[in-house]
Amino acid sequence: METIGTPLGEVDLSYDWRQYFRNEIDRVIGHAIREIAPKGGLNPAEIIDERVDAIMQLKLEQAVRYVERSGFPKPCSVRMLLAHGDSWNDADGNDFVYHEVNADGTEAVKRVQDWVDEHDGKYNALFVQACNPSGVKISTRRSFLVYPVAVNNSQEILWASMGIGNKILEVKPPANYRGVRQNDDPLESMLAKYSLNPKPLFTF
């Protein structure tokens, strides 16, 4: 697990996810990077890692827009957890956990609610991108919280965070929130207004 800092906030990124993004970048533009980088005295691996960090900044920007599209105020700071997750809800109890993988090969299984409690109130919004197949609920007291409900597909969560596909991410205001939630998504309302089709064009 590593923490990537951006102007908008931080991303706690499990190392296996960094590897995933590295491989995707390499698959798409790796050949071009390896061809051009040496001419400028640059290390291709470092360039790829810079692109991964840039993707994390974009993901935080998407998280901000997701909260705003859900009818809540735009967060000024966000912290995101990006890791593989699991949850259960049976006779023995329930819990929502994530798999922390580190660059040195060590790993651990930790509770998502503990991560939330650690950062609650330090950021306007907390965004959890980890599978939650049993739909175990988590909560905050001082920060907005976005997390997946009853989903076991990492790719589906990634798409949903961009507002594409099924609405599988729950947005929960903090316990002390007294604001008024807008009923309509501003983007969807605008698209419907200028469309010949009165039905919403996108589902968020």
C-alpha atoms as a PDB file:
ATOM      1  CA  MET A   1       0.000   0.000   0.000  1.00  0.00           C
ATOM      2  CA  GLU A   2       1.253   3.457  -0.839  1.00  0.00           C
ATOM      3  CA  THR A   3      -0.238   6.905  -0.461  1.00  0.00           C
ATOM      4  CA  ILE A   4      -0.214   9.142  -3.534  1.00  0.00           C
ATOM      5  CA  GLY A   5      -0.597  12.846  -2.827  1.00  0.00           C
ATOM      6  CA  THR A   6      -2.362  15.183  -5.248  1.00  0.00           C
ATOM      7  CA  PRO A   7      -3.587  18.795  -5.035  1.00  0.00           C
ATOM      8  CA  LEU A   8      -7.087  17.477  -4.297  1.00  0.00           C
ATOM      9  CA  GLY A   9      -6.237  14.846  -1.698  1.00  0.00           C
ATOM     10  CA  GLU A  10      -4.660  11.413  -1.278  1.00  0.00           C
ATOM     11  CA  VAL A  11      -5.136   7.936  -2.717  1.00  0.00           C
ATOM     12  CA  ASP A  12      -4.227   4.863  -0.674  1.00  0.00           C
ATOM     13  CA  LEU A  13      -3.289   2.547  -3.520  1.00  0.00           C
ATOM     14  CA  SER A  14      -2.678  -1.153  -3.022  1.00  0.00           C
ATOM     15  CA  TYR A  15       0.454  -2.263  -4.875  1.00  0.00           C
ATOM     16  CA  ASP A  16      -1.393  -4.857  -6.955  1.00  0.00           C
ATOM     17  CA  TRP A  17      -3.561  -2.039  -8.322  1.00  0.00           C
ATOM     18  CA  ARG A  18      -0.469   0.017  -9.190  1.00  0.00           C
ATOM     19  CA  GLN A  19       0.761  -2.994 -11.129  1.00  0.00           C
ATOM     20  CA  TYR A  20      -2.587  -3.228 -12.891  1.00  0.00           C
ATOM     21  CA  PHE A  21      -2.438   0.402 -14.039  1.00  0.00           C
ATOM     22  CA  ARG A  22       1.225   0.025 -15.028  1.00  0.00           C
ATOM     23  CA  ASN A  23       0.353  -2.947 -17.217  1.00  0.00           C
ATOM     24  CA  GLU A  24      -2.567  -1.131 -18.851  1.00  0.00           C
ATOM     25  CA  ILE A  25      -0.456   1.937 -19.631  1.00  0.00           C
ATOM     26  CA  ASP A  26       2.316  -0.275 -20.962  1.00  0.00           C
ATOM     27  CA  ARG A  27      -0.158  -2.186 -23.117  1.00  0.00           C
ATOM     28  CA  VAL A  28      -1.546   0.984 -24.706  1.00  0.00           C
ATOM     29  CA  ILE A  29       1.418   3.369 -25.015  1.00  0.00           C
ATOM     30  CA  GLY A  30       4.388   1.471 -23.603  1.00  0.00           C
ATOM     31  CA  HIS A  31       6.016   0.994 -26.999  1.00  0.00           C
ATOM     32  CA  ALA A  32       5.969   4.741 -27.654  1.00  0.00           C
ATOM     33  CA  ILE A  33       7.335   5.535 -24.182  1.00  0.00           C
ATOM     34  CA  ARG A  34      10.226   3.090 -24.569  1.00  0.00           C
ATOM     35  CA  GLU A  35      11.055   4.513 -27.981  1.00  0.00           C
ATOM     36  CA  ILE A  36      10.989   8.199 -27.020  1.00  0.00           C
ATOM     37  CA  ALA A  37      12.150   8.224 -23.377  1.00  0.00           C
ATOM     38  CA  PRO A  38      15.829   7.314 -23.970  1.00  0.00           C
ATOM     39  CA  LYS A  39      16.173  10.179 -26.458  1.00  0.00           C
ATOM     40  CA  GLY A  40      15.433  12.588 -23.634  1.00  0.00           C
ATOM     41  CA  GLY A  41      17.497  10.714 -21.078  1.00  0.00           C
ATOM     42  CA  LEU A  42      14.354   9.572 -19.278  1.00  0.00           C
ATOM     43  CA  ASN A  43      13.525   6.267 -17.617  1.00  0.00           C
ATOM     44  CA  PRO A  44      10.479   4.593 -19.250  1.00  0.00           C
ATOM     45  CA  ALA A  45       9.427   2.962 -15.941  1.00  0.00           C
ATOM     46  CA  GLU A  46       9.402   6.352 -14.201  1.00  0.00           C
ATOM     47  CA  ILE A  47       7.276   7.851 -16.974  1.00  0.00           C
ATOM     48  CA  ILE A  48       4.760   5.025 -16.649  1.00  0.00           C
ATOM     49  CA  ASP A  49       4.592   5.552 -12.884  1.00  0.00           C
ATOM     50  CA  GLU A  50       4.022   9.282 -13.458  1.00  0.00           C
ATOM     51  CA  ARG A  51       1.082   8.363 -15.671  1.00  0.00           C
ATOM     52  CA  VAL A  52      -0.306   6.129 -12.896  1.00  0.00           C
ATOM     53  CA  ASP A  53      -0.097   9.046 -10.461  1.00  0.00           C
ATOM     54  CA  ALA A  54      -1.885  11.258 -12.998  1.00  0.00           C
ATOM     55  CA  ILE A  55      -4.681   8.689 -13.235  1.00  0.00           C
ATOM     56  CA  MET A  56      -5.079   8.843  -9.458  1.00  0.00           C
ATOM     57  CA  GLN A  57      -5.544  12.618  -9.690  1.00  0.00           C
ATOM     58  CA  LEU A  58      -8.240  12.070 -12.325  1.00  0.00           C
ATOM     59  CA  LYS A  59      -9.939   9.496 -10.100  1.00  0.00           C
ATOM     60  CA  LEU A  60     -10.132  12.004  -7.247  1.00  0.00           C
ATOM     61  CA  GLU A  61     -11.631  14.559  -9.626  1.00  0.00           C
ATOM     62  CA  GLN A  62     -14.207  11.952 -10.659  1.00  0.00           C
ATOM     63  CA  ALA A  63     -14.962  11.274  -6.997  1.00  0.00           C
ATOM     64  CA  VAL A  64     -15.662  14.970  -6.425  1.00  0.00           C
ATOM     65  CA  ARG A  65     -18.005  15.079  -9.409  1.00  0.00           C
ATOM     66  CA  TYR A  66     -19.766  11.918  -8.240  1.00  0.00           C
ATOM     67  CA  VAL A  67     -20.641  13.494  -4.888  1.00  0.00           C
ATOM     68  CA  GLU A  68     -21.777  16.666  -6.628  1.00  0.00           C
ATOM     69  CA  ARG A  69     -23.888  14.749  -9.165  1.00  0.00           C
ATOM     70  CA  SER A  70     -25.583  13.012  -6.235  1.00  0.00           C
ATOM     71  CA  GLY A  71     -27.010  16.340  -5.090  1.00  0.00           C
ATOM     72  CA  PHE A  72     -24.495  17.225  -2.385  1.00  0.00           C
ATOM     73  CA  PRO A  73     -22.007  20.111  -2.123  1.00  0.00           C
ATOM     74  CA  LYS A  74     -18.745  19.778  -4.039  1.00  0.00           C
ATOM     75  CA  PRO A  75     -16.039  18.366  -1.725  1.00  0.00           C
ATOM     76  CA  CYS A  76     -12.845  20.398  -1.474  1.00  0.00           C
ATOM     77  CA  SER A  77     -10.715  17.467  -0.307  1.00  0.00           C
ATOM     78  CA  VAL A  78     -10.962  13.715  -0.852  1.00  0.00           C
ATOM     79  CA  ARG A  79      -9.192  10.586   0.310  1.00  0.00           C
ATOM     80  CA  MET A  80      -9.647   7.376  -1.659  1.00  0.00           C
ATOM     81  CA  LEU A  81      -8.994   3.735  -0.845  1.00  0.00           C
ATOM     82  CA  LEU A  82      -8.264   1.660  -3.946  1.00  0.00           C
ATOM     83  CA  ALA A  83      -7.788  -2.025  -3.167  1.00  0.00           C
ATOM     84  CA  HIS A  84      -9.426  -5.391  -3.688  1.00  0.00           C
ATOM     85  CA  GLY A  85     -12.118  -6.033  -1.103  1.00  0.00           C
ATOM     86  CA  ASP A  86     -14.489  -8.631   0.260  1.00  0.00           C
ATOM     87  CA  SER A  87     -17.424  -8.720   2.660  1.00  0.00           C
ATOM     88  CA  TRP A  88     -19.698 -11.201   4.347  1.00  0.00           C
ATOM     89  CA  ASN A  89     -22.980 -11.132   6.200  1.00  0.00           C
ATOM     90  CA  ASP A  90     -23.901 -14.473   7.726  1.00  0.00           C
ATOM     91  CA  ALA A  91     -24.720 -16.184  11.004  1.00  0.00           C
ATOM     92  CA  ASP A  92     -21.176 -15.613  12.245  1.00  0.00           C
ATOM     93  CA  GLY A  93     -21.393 -11.843  11.744  1.00  0.00           C
ATOM     94  CA  ASN A  94     -20.612  -9.308   9.040  1.00  0.00           C
ATOM     95  CA  ASP A  95     -17.629  -7.255   7.946  1.00  0.00           C
ATOM     96  CA  PHE A  96     -16.175  -5.377   4.983  1.00  0.00           C
ATOM     97  CA  VAL A  97     -12.415  -5.769   4.458  1.00  0.00           C
ATOM     98  CA  TYR A  98      -9.740  -4.811   1.947  1.00  0.00           C
ATOM     99  CA  HIS A  99      -6.551  -6.559   0.863  1.00  0.00           C
ATOM    100  CA  GLU A 100      -3.459  -4.416   1.439  1.00  0.00           C
ATOM    101  CA  VAL A 101      -0.541  -5.389  -0.809  1.00  0.00           C
ATOM    102  CA  ASN A 102       2.849  -3.700  -0.437  1.00  0.00           C
ATOM    103  CA  ALA A 103       5.756  -3.307  -2.846  1.00  0.00           C
ATOM    104  CA  ASP A 104       7.990  -5.453  -0.606  1.00  0.00           C
ATOM    105  CA  GLY A 105       5.613  -8.405  -0.965  1.00  0.00           C
ATOM    106  CA  THR A 106       4.000  -8.129   2.462  1.00  0.00           C
ATOM    107  CA  GLU A 107       0.234  -8.056   2.656  1.00  0.00           C
ATOM    108  CA  ALA A 108      -2.584  -7.849   5.157  1.00  0.00           C
ATOM    109  CA  VAL A 109      -6.368  -7.937   5.392  1.00  0.00           C
ATOM    110  CA  LYS A 110      -7.841  -4.870   7.114  1.00  0.00           C
ATOM    111  CA  ARG A 111     -11.307  -3.550   7.948  1.00  0.00           C
ATOM    112  CA  VAL A 112     -12.668  -0.830   5.683  1.00  0.00           C
ATOM    113  CA  GLN A 113     -14.499   0.784   8.614  1.00  0.00           C
ATOM    114  CA  ASP A 114     -11.147   1.195  10.402  1.00  0.00           C
ATOM    115  CA  TRP A 115      -9.757   3.035   7.353  1.00  0.00           C
ATOM    116  CA  VAL A 116     -12.861   5.227   7.319  1.00  0.00           C
ATOM    117  CA  ASP A 117     -12.595   5.998  11.039  1.00  0.00           C
ATOM    118  CA  GLU A 118      -8.915   6.946  10.657  1.00  0.00           C
ATOM    119  CA  HIS A 119      -9.658   9.613   8.037  1.00  0.00           C
ATOM    120  CA  ASP A 120     -13.173  10.693   9.016  1.00  0.00           C
ATOM    121  CA  GLY A 121     -13.345  14.473   9.404  1.00  0.00           C
ATOM    122  CA  LYS A 122      -9.891  15.077   7.924  1.00  0.00           C
ATOM    123  CA  TYR A 123     -11.337  15.261   4.394  1.00  0.00           C
ATOM    124  CA  ASN A 124     -14.636  16.506   3.011  1.00  0.00           C
ATOM    125  CA  ALA A 125     -15.253  13.123   1.389  1.00  0.00           C
ATOM    126  CA  LEU A 126     -13.970   9.556   1.635  1.00  0.00           C
ATOM    127  CA  PHE A 127     -14.248   7.307  -1.417  1.00  0.00           C
ATOM    128  CA  VAL A 128     -13.904   3.517  -1.103  1.00  0.00           C
ATOM    129  CA  GLN A 129     -13.184   1.533  -4.265  1.00  0.00           C
ATOM    130  CA  ALA A 130     -13.148  -2.039  -3.002  1.00  0.00           C
ATOM    131  CA  CYS A 131     -15.556  -4.865  -3.754  1.00  0.00           C
ATOM    132  CA  ASN A 132     -18.364  -5.305  -1.240  1.00  0.00           C
ATOM    133  CA  PRO A 133     -20.308  -8.367  -2.462  1.00  0.00           C
ATOM    134  CA  SER A 134     -22.494  -8.673   0.647  1.00  0.00           C
ATOM    135  CA  GLY A 135     -23.373  -4.986   0.760  1.00  0.00           C
ATOM    136  CA  VAL A 136     -22.092  -4.459   4.311  1.00  0.00           C
ATOM    137  CA  LYS A 137     -22.807  -0.906   5.437  1.00  0.00           C
ATOM    138  CA  ILE A 138     -20.147   1.499   6.687  1.00  0.00           C
ATOM    139  CA  SER A 139     -20.565   5.035   7.991  1.00  0.00           C
ATOM    140  CA  THR A 140     -18.892   8.320   8.869  1.00  0.00           C
ATOM    141  CA  ARG A 141     -19.614  11.054  11.403  1.00  0.00           C
ATOM    142  CA  ARG A 142     -17.973  14.087   9.759  1.00  0.00           C
ATOM    143  CA  SER A 143     -17.130  13.296   6.099  1.00  0.00           C
ATOM    144  CA  PHE A 144     -19.226  12.384   3.078  1.00  0.00           C
ATOM    145  CA  LEU A 145     -18.771   8.716   2.235  1.00  0.00           C
ATOM    146  CA  VAL A 146     -18.959   6.959  -1.130  1.00  0.00           C
ATOM    147  CA  TYR A 147     -18.682   3.176  -1.300  1.00  0.00           C
ATOM    148  CA  PRO A 148     -19.957   0.233  -3.393  1.00  0.00           C
ATOM    149  CA  VAL A 149     -23.044  -1.708  -2.353  1.00  0.00           C
ATOM    150  CA  ALA A 150     -23.523  -5.407  -3.149  1.00  0.00           C
ATOM    151  CA  VAL A 151     -20.974  -5.573  -5.961  1.00  0.00           C
ATOM    152  CA  ASN A 152     -18.106  -7.973  -6.624  1.00  0.00           C
ATOM    153  CA  ASN A 153     -16.644  -6.557  -9.824  1.00  0.00           C
ATOM    154  CA  SER A 154     -13.686  -4.166  -9.672  1.00  0.00           C
ATOM    155  CA  GLN A 155     -14.135  -2.986 -13.249  1.00  0.00           C
ATOM    156  CA  GLU A 156     -17.798  -2.199 -12.630  1.00  0.00           C
ATOM    157  CA  ILE A 157     -16.797  -0.058  -9.640  1.00  0.00           C
ATOM    158  CA  LEU A 158     -14.220   1.814 -11.739  1.00  0.00           C
ATOM    159  CA  TRP A 159     -16.833   2.591 -14.403  1.00  0.00           C
ATOM    160  CA  ALA A 160     -19.460   3.527 -11.837  1.00  0.00           C
ATOM    161  CA  SER A 161     -17.097   6.061 -10.232  1.00  0.00           C
ATOM    162  CA  MET A 162     -17.102   7.878 -13.592  1.00  0.00           C
ATOM    163  CA  GLY A 163     -20.892   7.880 -13.701  1.00  0.00           C
ATOM    164  CA  ILE A 164     -21.063   5.107 -16.295  1.00  0.00           C
ATOM    165  CA  GLY A 165     -23.170   1.977 -15.868  1.00  0.00           C
ATOM    166  CA  ASN A 166     -25.266   0.921 -12.924  1.00  0.00           C
ATOM    167  CA  LYS A 167     -25.662   3.090  -9.845  1.00  0.00           C
ATOM    168  CA  ILE A 168     -23.820   0.810  -7.437  1.00  0.00           C
ATOM    169  CA  LEU A 169     -22.069   3.447  -5.330  1.00  0.00           C
ATOM    170  CA  GLU A 170     -23.861   4.802  -2.294  1.00  0.00           C
ATOM    171  CA  VAL A 171     -23.265   8.403  -1.241  1.00  0.00           C
ATOM    172  CA  LYS A 172     -23.860   8.946   2.472  1.00  0.00           C
ATOM    173  CA  PRO A 173     -23.697  12.382   4.083  1.00  0.00           C
ATOM    174  CA  PRO A 174     -22.019  12.697   7.485  1.00  0.00           C
ATOM    175  CA  ALA A 175     -24.174  12.125  10.549  1.00  0.00           C
ATOM    176  CA  ASN A 176     -24.270  15.842  11.362  1.00  0.00           C
ATOM    177  CA  TYR A 177     -25.160  16.987   7.819  1.00  0.00           C
ATOM    178  CA  ARG A 178     -28.087  19.430   7.778  1.00  0.00           C
ATOM    179  CA  GLY A 179     -27.998  20.556   4.146  1.00  0.00           C
ATOM    180  CA  VAL A 180     -30.673  19.925   1.544  1.00  0.00           C
ATOM    181  CA  ARG A 181     -29.972  17.290  -1.071  1.00  0.00           C
ATOM    182  CA  GLN A 182     -30.913  18.190  -4.633  1.00  0.00           C
ATOM    183  CA  ASN A 183     -33.396  15.744  -6.106  1.00  0.00           C
ATOM    184  CA  ASP A 184     -32.102  15.965  -9.660  1.00  0.00           C
ATOM    185  CA  ASP A 185     -28.646  15.396 -11.053  1.00  0.00           C
ATOM    186  CA  PRO A 186     -27.729  18.751 -12.705  1.00  0.00           C
ATOM    187  CA  LEU A 187     -25.926  17.060 -15.593  1.00  0.00           C
ATOM    188  CA  GLU A 188     -28.794  14.684 -16.320  1.00  0.00           C
ATOM    189  CA  SER A 189     -31.297  17.568 -16.144  1.00  0.00           C
ATOM    190  CA  MET A 190     -29.274  19.594 -18.631  1.00  0.00           C
ATOM    191  CA  LEU A 191     -28.976  16.687 -21.058  1.00  0.00           C
ATOM    192  CA  ALA A 192     -32.710  15.997 -20.829  1.00  0.00           C
ATOM    193  CA  LYS A 193     -33.537  19.681 -21.422  1.00  0.00           C
ATOM    194  CA  TYR A 194     -31.667  19.829 -24.718  1.00  0.00           C
ATOM    195  CA  SER A 195     -32.563  16.355 -25.923  1.00  0.00           C
ATOM    196  CA  LEU A 196     -35.418  15.381 -28.231  1.00  0.00           C
ATOM    197  CA  ASN A 197     -35.805  12.322 -26.045  1.00  0.00           C
ATOM    198  CA  PRO A 198     -37.460  13.281 -22.741  1.00  0.00           C
ATOM    199  CA  LYS A 199     -35.971  10.263 -20.987  1.00  0.00           C
ATOM    200  CA  PRO A 200     -32.596  10.572 -19.189  1.00  0.00           C
ATOM    201  CA  LEU A 201     -29.690   9.828 -21.513  1.00  0.00           C
ATOM    202  CA  PHE A 202     -27.419   8.481 -18.798  1.00  0.00           C
ATOM    203  CA  THR A 203     -27.906   6.557 -15.599  1.00  0.00           C
ATOM    204  CA  PHE A 204     -25.678   7.628 -12.708  1.00  0.00           C
END
